[in-house]
Protein backbone atom coordinates (compact mmCIF):
# COMPACT_ATOMS: atom_id res chain seq x y z
CA MET A 1 -131.65 109.50 -259.38
CA CYS A 2 -135.07 108.43 -260.58
CA ASP A 3 -137.97 108.73 -258.15
CA GLY A 4 -138.88 105.04 -258.37
CA ALA A 5 -142.48 105.74 -259.32
CA HIS A 6 -142.61 102.71 -261.59
CA ASP A 7 -142.72 99.15 -260.31
CA THR A 8 -139.67 97.76 -262.08
CA THR A 9 -140.49 94.20 -261.04
CA LYS A 10 -143.85 94.41 -262.77
CA ASP A 11 -142.27 96.12 -265.80
CA ALA A 12 -139.66 93.36 -266.06
CA ALA A 13 -142.39 90.72 -265.89
CA GLY A 14 -144.28 92.47 -268.68
CA VAL A 15 -141.20 92.53 -270.90
CA GLY A 16 -140.66 88.84 -270.11
CA VAL A 17 -144.16 88.03 -271.33
CA LEU A 18 -143.39 89.90 -274.55
CA GLU A 19 -140.17 87.95 -275.01
CA ASP A 20 -142.04 84.67 -274.55
CA ALA A 21 -144.70 85.82 -277.01
CA ALA A 22 -142.05 86.72 -279.60
CA GLU A 23 -140.50 83.26 -279.27
CA CYS A 24 -143.92 81.63 -279.59
CA LEU A 25 -144.65 83.67 -282.71
CA ARG A 26 -141.32 82.66 -284.23
CA LEU A 27 -142.13 78.99 -283.72
CA GLU A 28 -145.64 79.32 -285.14
CA ALA A 29 -144.74 81.34 -288.24
CA GLY A 30 -143.78 79.23 -291.24
CA PRO A 31 -144.42 78.35 -294.87
CA ASN A 32 -147.61 76.46 -294.01
CA LEU A 33 -149.58 79.66 -293.47
CA ARG A 34 -151.79 80.80 -296.32
CA PRO A 35 -151.14 84.25 -297.81
CA GLU A 36 -154.26 85.74 -296.20
CA GLN A 37 -153.11 84.40 -292.82
CA LEU A 38 -149.66 85.88 -293.32
CA ARG A 39 -151.12 89.27 -294.24
CA ASP A 40 -153.39 89.24 -291.21
CA GLN A 41 -150.57 88.33 -288.85
CA MET A 42 -148.26 90.95 -290.35
CA LEU A 43 -150.87 93.67 -289.90
CA ARG A 44 -151.52 92.69 -286.31
CA LEU A 45 -147.83 92.34 -285.54
CA ARG A 46 -147.05 95.74 -287.03
CA HIS A 47 -149.71 97.30 -284.81
CA VAL A 48 -148.23 95.58 -281.75
CA ILE A 49 -144.79 96.90 -282.70
CA ASP A 50 -146.24 100.43 -282.96
CA LEU A 51 -147.74 100.06 -279.48
CA LEU A 52 -144.40 98.89 -278.13
CA GLU A 53 -142.65 101.83 -279.83
CA LEU A 54 -145.04 104.16 -278.01
CA GLU A 55 -144.22 102.49 -274.69
CA PHE A 56 -140.51 102.66 -275.49
CA ALA A 57 -140.84 106.42 -276.08
CA SER A 58 -142.52 106.80 -272.69
CA MET A 59 -139.67 104.90 -271.03
CA MET A 60 -137.13 107.10 -272.77
CA ILE A 61 -138.64 110.26 -271.35
CA SER A 62 -138.59 108.66 -267.90
CA LEU A 63 -134.89 107.99 -268.39
CA ALA A 64 -134.36 111.58 -269.54
CA SER A 65 -135.83 112.80 -266.25
CA CYS A 66 -133.16 110.90 -264.32
CA ASP A 67 -129.79 112.32 -263.32
CA GLU A 68 -127.04 112.21 -265.92
CA GLN A 69 -125.29 109.41 -264.03
CA GLU A 70 -128.14 107.12 -265.07
CA TRP A 71 -127.11 107.64 -268.71
CA GLU A 72 -123.93 105.66 -268.01
CA GLY A 73 -121.52 108.30 -269.20
CA GLU A 74 -123.38 109.29 -272.37
CA SER A 75 -124.08 112.94 -273.12
CA SER A 76 -127.85 112.38 -273.39
CA PRO A 77 -130.45 109.64 -273.16
CA ILE A 78 -130.59 109.69 -276.97
CA GLN A 79 -126.94 108.68 -277.13
CA TRP A 80 -127.45 106.00 -274.49
CA VAL A 81 -130.38 104.51 -276.44
CA ARG A 82 -128.35 104.58 -279.66
CA ARG A 83 -125.47 102.69 -278.07
CA ALA A 84 -127.04 100.45 -275.44
CA CYS A 85 -130.21 99.58 -277.36
CA LYS A 86 -128.21 99.00 -280.57
CA THR A 87 -130.28 101.28 -282.76
CA SER A 88 -129.77 104.32 -284.97
CA SER A 89 -129.72 107.93 -283.85
CA TRP A 90 -132.82 108.53 -285.98
CA VAL A 91 -134.82 105.88 -284.11
CA ALA A 92 -133.67 107.28 -280.77
CA VAL A 93 -134.55 110.86 -281.76
CA ASN A 94 -138.01 109.77 -282.92
CA ALA A 95 -138.66 108.03 -279.61
CA PHE A 96 -137.50 111.10 -277.68
CA HIS A 97 -139.75 113.47 -279.64
CA VAL A 98 -142.79 111.21 -279.27
CA GLY A 99 -142.23 110.80 -275.54
CA GLU A 100 -141.63 114.51 -275.04
CA MET A 101 -144.77 115.56 -276.95
CA SER A 102 -147.04 112.75 -275.66
CA VAL A 103 -149.07 115.12 -273.45
CA ARG A 104 -149.73 117.51 -276.35
CA LEU A 105 -150.50 114.71 -278.84
CA GLN A 106 -153.06 112.69 -276.89
CA GLN A 107 -155.48 112.45 -279.85
CA SER A 108 -152.70 111.12 -282.07
CA ALA A 109 -151.59 108.61 -279.44
CA ARG A 110 -155.16 107.30 -279.22
CA ALA A 111 -155.26 107.03 -283.03
CA LEU A 112 -152.12 104.90 -282.90
CA ARG A 113 -153.60 102.61 -280.24
CA THR A 114 -156.68 102.06 -282.38
CA GLY A 115 -154.59 101.35 -285.45
CA GLU A 116 -155.64 104.44 -287.43
CA ILE A 117 -152.03 105.66 -287.79
CA GLY A 118 -148.59 104.11 -287.38
CA PHE A 119 -145.65 105.10 -285.23
CA GLY A 120 -144.02 106.75 -288.25
CA HIS A 121 -146.98 109.15 -288.48
CA LEU A 122 -146.81 109.86 -284.75
CA ALA A 123 -143.06 110.57 -284.92
CA LEU A 124 -143.60 113.12 -287.71
CA LEU A 125 -146.44 114.73 -285.76
CA ALA A 126 -144.20 115.02 -282.70
CA GLN A 127 -141.31 116.55 -284.68
CA THR A 128 -143.65 119.06 -286.33
CA ALA A 129 -145.23 120.01 -283.02
CA GLU A 130 -141.81 120.49 -281.43
CA ALA A 131 -140.54 122.62 -284.34
CA ILE A 132 -143.59 124.92 -284.29
CA THR A 133 -143.92 125.34 -280.53
CA ALA A 134 -140.17 125.86 -279.97
CA SER A 135 -139.93 128.72 -282.48
CA PRO A 136 -140.45 132.26 -281.11
CA THR A 137 -141.95 133.30 -284.46
CA GLY A 138 -144.31 130.35 -284.86
CA SER A 139 -148.06 130.24 -284.37
CA ASP A 140 -149.97 127.71 -282.29
CA PHE A 141 -149.72 124.05 -283.27
CA GLU A 142 -153.02 122.50 -284.37
CA GLU A 143 -153.07 118.74 -283.99
CA ALA A 144 -156.45 117.86 -285.49
CA PRO A 145 -155.86 118.95 -289.15
CA LEU A 146 -152.55 117.10 -289.35
CA LEU A 147 -153.95 114.01 -287.63
CA SER A 148 -156.75 113.91 -290.20
CA ARG A 149 -154.17 113.85 -293.00
CA ALA A 150 -152.09 111.23 -291.20
CA LYS A 151 -155.07 108.88 -291.19
CA ARG A 152 -155.41 109.18 -294.99
CA HIS A 153 -151.80 109.33 -296.16
CA THR A 154 -148.76 107.10 -296.12
CA VAL A 155 -145.78 108.15 -294.02
CA GLY A 156 -144.02 109.40 -297.14
CA GLN A 157 -147.00 111.54 -298.15
CA PHE A 158 -147.48 112.74 -294.59
CA PHE A 159 -143.91 114.01 -294.50
CA ARG A 160 -144.93 116.61 -297.11
CA ASP A 161 -148.08 117.43 -295.14
CA CYS A 162 -145.94 118.23 -292.10
CA ASP A 163 -143.65 120.48 -294.15
CA HIS A 164 -146.65 122.42 -295.43
CA ALA A 165 -147.94 122.78 -291.88
CA ARG A 166 -144.56 124.04 -290.67
CA HIS A 167 -144.41 126.61 -293.46
CA ALA A 168 -147.95 127.82 -292.77
CA ALA A 169 -147.24 128.17 -289.07
CA ASP A 170 -143.77 129.72 -289.29
CA GLN A 171 -142.47 130.87 -292.67
CA ARG A 172 -139.37 132.57 -291.24
CA ARG A 173 -138.21 129.47 -289.39
CA PHE A 174 -138.94 127.33 -292.44
CA LEU A 175 -136.79 129.60 -294.63
CA ALA A 176 -133.99 129.62 -292.04
CA ASP A 177 -133.95 125.82 -291.98
CA GLU A 178 -133.85 125.77 -295.77
CA VAL A 179 -130.88 128.14 -295.83
CA ASP A 180 -129.12 125.88 -293.32
CA THR A 181 -129.43 122.93 -295.71
CA VAL A 182 -127.90 125.02 -298.52
CA ASP A 183 -124.96 125.86 -296.25
CA ALA A 184 -124.60 122.14 -295.53
CA ARG A 185 -123.97 121.24 -299.19
CA SER A 186 -120.88 119.08 -299.52
CA LEU A 187 -119.14 116.80 -301.99
CA THR A 188 -116.15 114.68 -301.02
CA PHE A 189 -113.87 112.87 -303.45
CA THR A 190 -111.91 109.79 -302.44
CA THR A 191 -109.33 108.61 -304.96
CA PHE A 192 -108.54 104.90 -304.91
CA ARG A 193 -105.28 103.27 -305.86
CA ASN A 194 -106.42 102.40 -309.39
CA GLY A 195 -107.56 105.96 -310.10
CA CYS A 196 -111.24 105.26 -309.46
CA LEU A 197 -113.18 107.94 -307.63
CA GLY A 198 -115.52 107.54 -304.68
CA LEU A 199 -118.20 110.18 -304.13
CA ARG A 200 -119.95 111.17 -300.93
CA GLY A 201 -122.10 114.24 -300.70
CA PHE A 202 -125.16 116.10 -299.52
CA LEU A 203 -127.42 118.46 -301.45
CA ASP A 204 -130.30 120.60 -300.28
CA SER A 205 -133.75 120.14 -301.76
CA GLU A 206 -133.24 122.61 -304.62
CA GLY A 207 -129.75 121.35 -305.45
CA GLY A 208 -130.90 117.74 -305.37
CA ALA A 209 -133.88 118.47 -307.59
CA THR A 210 -131.64 120.30 -310.07
CA LEU A 211 -129.23 117.37 -310.30
CA ARG A 212 -131.96 114.77 -310.63
CA THR A 213 -133.76 116.81 -313.28
CA ALA A 214 -130.55 116.87 -315.32
CA LEU A 215 -129.76 113.17 -314.81
CA GLU A 216 -133.17 111.56 -315.15
CA PRO A 217 -133.45 111.92 -318.97
CA LEU A 218 -129.93 110.52 -319.40
CA ALA A 219 -130.48 107.65 -316.97
CA LYS A 220 -133.33 106.03 -318.87
CA LEU A 221 -132.96 102.51 -320.18
CA SER A 222 -131.61 102.64 -323.74
CA GLY A 223 -133.46 99.53 -324.90
CA ARG A 224 -134.75 96.14 -323.89
CA ASP A 225 -131.21 94.72 -323.86
CA ASP A 226 -129.96 97.40 -321.46
CA ASP A 227 -129.59 95.48 -318.20
CA ARG A 228 -127.96 98.22 -316.11
CA ASN A 229 -129.49 98.74 -312.67
CA ARG A 230 -130.75 102.15 -311.57
CA GLU A 231 -127.59 103.08 -309.66
CA ARG A 232 -125.39 102.24 -312.65
CA ARG A 233 -127.58 104.28 -315.01
CA PHE A 234 -127.38 107.34 -312.74
CA ALA A 235 -123.60 106.99 -312.51
CA ASP A 236 -123.34 106.76 -316.30
CA ALA A 237 -125.65 109.78 -316.63
CA LEU A 238 -123.47 111.87 -314.31
CA VAL A 239 -120.36 111.07 -316.35
CA GLU A 240 -122.28 111.80 -319.55
CA LEU A 241 -123.50 115.14 -318.25
CA ALA A 242 -119.98 116.17 -317.22
CA GLY A 243 -118.56 115.07 -320.55
CA HIS A 244 -121.12 117.09 -322.46
CA ALA A 245 -120.31 120.20 -320.38
CA LEU A 246 -116.62 119.74 -321.21
CA ASP A 247 -117.31 119.20 -324.92
CA ALA A 248 -119.56 122.26 -325.09
CA GLY A 249 -116.88 124.51 -323.60
CA ALA A 250 -119.45 125.89 -321.18
CA LEU A 251 -117.20 125.80 -318.11
CA PRO A 252 -114.94 128.65 -316.92
CA GLN A 253 -111.42 128.51 -318.33
CA SER A 254 -108.50 127.36 -316.23
CA GLY A 255 -104.95 128.43 -317.08
CA GLY A 256 -106.09 130.13 -320.25
CA GLN A 257 -107.82 127.08 -321.70
CA ARG A 258 -111.14 125.37 -321.24
CA PRO A 259 -111.24 122.37 -318.86
CA HIS A 260 -110.53 119.09 -320.61
CA LEU A 261 -109.35 115.56 -320.02
CA GLN A 262 -105.59 115.37 -320.42
CA VAL A 263 -103.97 112.08 -321.41
CA THR A 264 -100.20 111.63 -321.63
CA THR A 265 -99.09 108.66 -323.69
CA THR A 266 -96.24 107.41 -325.82
CA LEU A 267 -96.55 106.85 -329.56
CA GLU A 268 -96.00 103.13 -328.95
CA THR A 269 -98.98 103.05 -326.60
CA LEU A 270 -101.19 104.77 -329.15
CA GLN A 271 -100.06 102.31 -331.79
CA GLY A 272 -100.84 99.35 -329.53
CA LEU A 273 -97.33 97.92 -329.66
CA ASP A 274 -96.36 95.11 -327.27
CA GLY A 275 -94.37 96.28 -324.26
CA ALA A 276 -95.73 99.84 -324.40
CA PRO A 277 -96.44 101.49 -321.01
CA ALA A 278 -99.89 102.50 -319.83
CA ALA A 279 -101.13 105.99 -320.64
CA GLU A 280 -101.57 108.56 -317.87
CA LEU A 281 -104.93 110.28 -317.34
CA GLU A 282 -104.65 113.51 -315.38
CA MET A 283 -106.66 113.16 -312.14
CA GLY A 284 -107.25 109.52 -313.04
CA GLY A 285 -103.93 107.68 -313.01
CA PRO A 286 -102.69 105.02 -315.44
CA ILE A 287 -105.18 103.83 -318.07
CA ALA A 288 -105.08 101.10 -320.71
CA GLY A 289 -103.68 101.93 -324.11
CA GLU A 290 -107.00 101.04 -325.72
CA THR A 291 -108.74 103.59 -323.48
CA ALA A 292 -106.18 106.22 -324.50
CA ARG A 293 -106.80 105.47 -328.18
CA ARG A 294 -110.54 105.78 -327.61
CA LEU A 295 -110.11 109.18 -325.92
CA ALA A 296 -107.73 110.30 -328.67
CA CYS A 297 -110.35 109.51 -331.30
CA ASP A 298 -111.88 112.99 -331.07
CA ALA A 299 -109.28 115.10 -329.33
CA SER A 300 -106.66 117.77 -329.72
CA VAL A 301 -103.25 116.07 -329.89
CA ALA A 302 -100.03 117.83 -328.92
CA ARG A 303 -96.68 116.28 -329.83
CA ILE A 304 -93.84 116.54 -327.26
CA VAL A 305 -90.52 114.84 -328.01
CA PHE A 306 -87.98 114.03 -325.26
CA ASP A 307 -84.35 113.08 -325.61
CA ALA A 308 -82.64 110.26 -323.73
CA GLY A 309 -82.28 112.49 -320.68
CA SER A 310 -86.02 113.33 -320.65
CA ALA A 311 -85.36 116.88 -321.83
CA VAL A 312 -87.96 118.37 -324.18
CA VAL A 313 -86.44 118.74 -327.66
CA ASP A 314 -89.59 119.47 -329.67
CA MET A 315 -93.16 120.58 -328.96
CA GLY A 316 -95.72 120.27 -331.73
CA ARG A 317 -98.80 122.41 -331.97
CA ALA A 318 -102.15 120.99 -330.91
CA ARG A 319 -104.44 120.12 -333.79
CA ARG A 320 -108.11 119.28 -333.76
CA LEU A 321 -109.24 115.90 -335.06
CA PRO A 322 -111.24 116.38 -337.20
CA ALA A 323 -111.25 119.96 -338.48
CA PRO A 324 -114.41 122.00 -337.79
CA ALA A 325 -115.52 121.85 -341.43
CA THR A 326 -115.11 118.07 -341.49
CA ARG A 327 -117.00 117.81 -338.22
CA ARG A 328 -119.93 119.79 -339.61
CA ALA A 329 -120.01 117.66 -342.74
CA LEU A 330 -119.92 114.50 -340.64
CA GLN A 331 -122.83 115.67 -338.50
CA ALA A 332 -124.83 116.60 -341.59
CA ARG A 333 -124.19 113.20 -343.19
CA ASP A 334 -124.85 110.96 -340.16
CA GLY A 335 -127.41 113.16 -338.37
CA GLY A 336 -126.44 111.74 -334.99
CA CYS A 337 -125.05 108.60 -333.42
CA VAL A 338 -125.05 105.74 -335.95
CA TRP A 339 -124.89 102.98 -333.34
CA PRO A 340 -128.01 100.81 -333.80
CA GLY A 341 -130.75 101.92 -331.40
CA CYS A 342 -128.96 105.06 -330.17
CA SER A 343 -130.93 108.30 -330.47
CA ARG A 344 -128.25 110.76 -329.29
CA PRO A 345 -128.18 113.91 -331.45
CA ALA A 346 -125.12 114.93 -333.46
CA SER A 347 -124.08 117.52 -330.84
CA TRP A 348 -123.74 114.71 -328.28
CA SER A 349 -121.78 112.40 -330.58
CA GLN A 350 -118.06 112.01 -331.26
CA ALA A 351 -116.11 111.66 -334.48
CA HIS A 352 -114.70 108.14 -334.65
CA HIS A 353 -111.93 106.82 -336.93
CA LEU A 354 -112.81 103.51 -338.58
CA GLN A 355 -109.08 102.91 -338.95
CA SER A 356 -107.20 104.26 -335.96
CA TRP A 357 -105.57 107.64 -336.52
CA ALA A 358 -102.60 106.47 -334.43
CA GLN A 359 -102.19 103.57 -336.87
CA GLY A 360 -102.31 105.68 -340.01
CA GLY A 361 -106.02 106.18 -340.51
CA ALA A 362 -106.92 109.35 -342.39
CA THR A 363 -109.08 112.10 -340.92
CA ASP A 364 -111.50 112.36 -343.82
CA MET A 365 -115.15 111.58 -344.42
CA ASP A 366 -114.47 108.08 -345.74
CA ASN A 367 -112.71 107.09 -342.50
CA LEU A 368 -114.98 108.89 -340.00
CA VAL A 369 -118.31 107.97 -338.49
CA ASN A 370 -120.44 109.71 -335.89
CA PRO A 371 -121.09 107.35 -332.92
CA TYR A 372 -121.83 108.24 -329.33
CA TYR A 373 -120.88 104.86 -327.88
CA ILE A 374 -117.43 103.67 -328.95
CA PRO A 375 -117.00 99.91 -328.38
CA PHE A 376 -114.04 98.51 -326.50
CA PRO A 377 -112.32 96.03 -328.83
CA GLY A 378 -113.18 92.42 -328.21
CA SER A 379 -115.29 93.14 -325.13
CA GLY A 380 -118.70 93.50 -326.73
CA THR A 381 -119.32 96.36 -324.33
CA VAL A 382 -120.13 99.92 -325.19
CA GLY A 383 -117.97 102.96 -324.57
CA GLN A 384 -118.51 105.32 -321.64
CA GLY A 385 -118.83 102.23 -319.42
CA ARG A 386 -122.03 101.01 -321.05
CA PRO A 387 -123.09 97.35 -320.72
CA ARG A 388 -123.18 94.65 -323.35
CA LEU A 389 -125.90 95.30 -325.92
CA GLU A 390 -127.07 92.47 -328.16
CA ARG A 391 -128.45 94.50 -331.02
CA GLN A 392 -128.37 94.06 -334.77
CA GLU A 393 -125.01 94.30 -336.50
CA PRO A 394 -123.74 97.83 -337.17
CA PRO A 395 -123.32 99.06 -340.75
CA ALA A 396 -120.88 97.04 -342.84
CA GLY A 397 -117.28 97.92 -342.06
CA LEU A 398 -118.16 99.89 -338.93
CA PHE A 399 -115.66 99.42 -336.08
CA GLU A 400 -113.79 96.68 -337.95
CA GLY A 401 -110.89 95.51 -335.83
CA GLY A 402 -112.18 97.60 -332.97
CA SER A 403 -109.53 100.27 -333.46
CA VAL A 404 -110.00 103.94 -332.76
């Protein structure tokens, strides 16, 4: 049980005053305030919130000193705060660290009360102090240098300051924590009914930086008419990066052949005949016939003929469309993607049939062009999931009929 050192009646009265003040503030705040008044009130209110966060942290440590029965069945006061106070684990952990290190961080607590730092700064200071002092290989924690940086830097900048301080004080512990984040790498795939894929993952600092470095150049806006948001551009860039790795043949072989997208389709589907079934994309499920024709535009095609009982009666040999010599000539002629405004080099482009190969189009220079983005017929959108682009018309005859 707690020792009852605090006057709970007085504490309850104090909280009641705060509740009344919050209600009064809600009634006073409104659109009639001038911007300078709003800014002043927001600054003062934020400081009051920081002071209340500091008091909340002190209360949390008092609760932690109570017997476990006072946690109402939770495994720790952190879990009780998360559930009962309807907040996140991160907020509860921050409060616990600040309360636990309050005696050691008296200068920082005074800086918060005077408004020189915020509660976010104090939480980072407390976590850094705990990490350094708890390690058997760490040196002494020095509050003053970090507090000086906290007064000058934003919370985001101060996060880096704390990491530098941890490394300087305890390089072995810092490395061990870094290795732990590498071991925690994960990537989970969730396949939805329509073949779409959900991603959920975690990368360490180095892995995350590597991925972002690869995606950032590909995720840039492609022009003033590109209205994709940032999340969409990064998703497109990830697909583009994977597609380029497949096209380059840079991945380890599987089953004696390099990894590739495999589409199974009937001839009727490729020809766009009415009543034809959807094509099947391995690891992706059924796809539209138009999508299959787009993927078949620059692909190896293998013919397999079945009889009425679904037995294989003939297997044709895979053939590349176009031939390597034709591909080289096409790249030399077009130089890269010919879509207006696209700057992708030839090595990142695909050979595209002006008249669909499945509908009799020849694989020769007169019927090939070198685009990166292949339009979906009638949609006005751009291949690879790109958005609508209102640019100048493409060269005469390009993509007529929208066939691939």
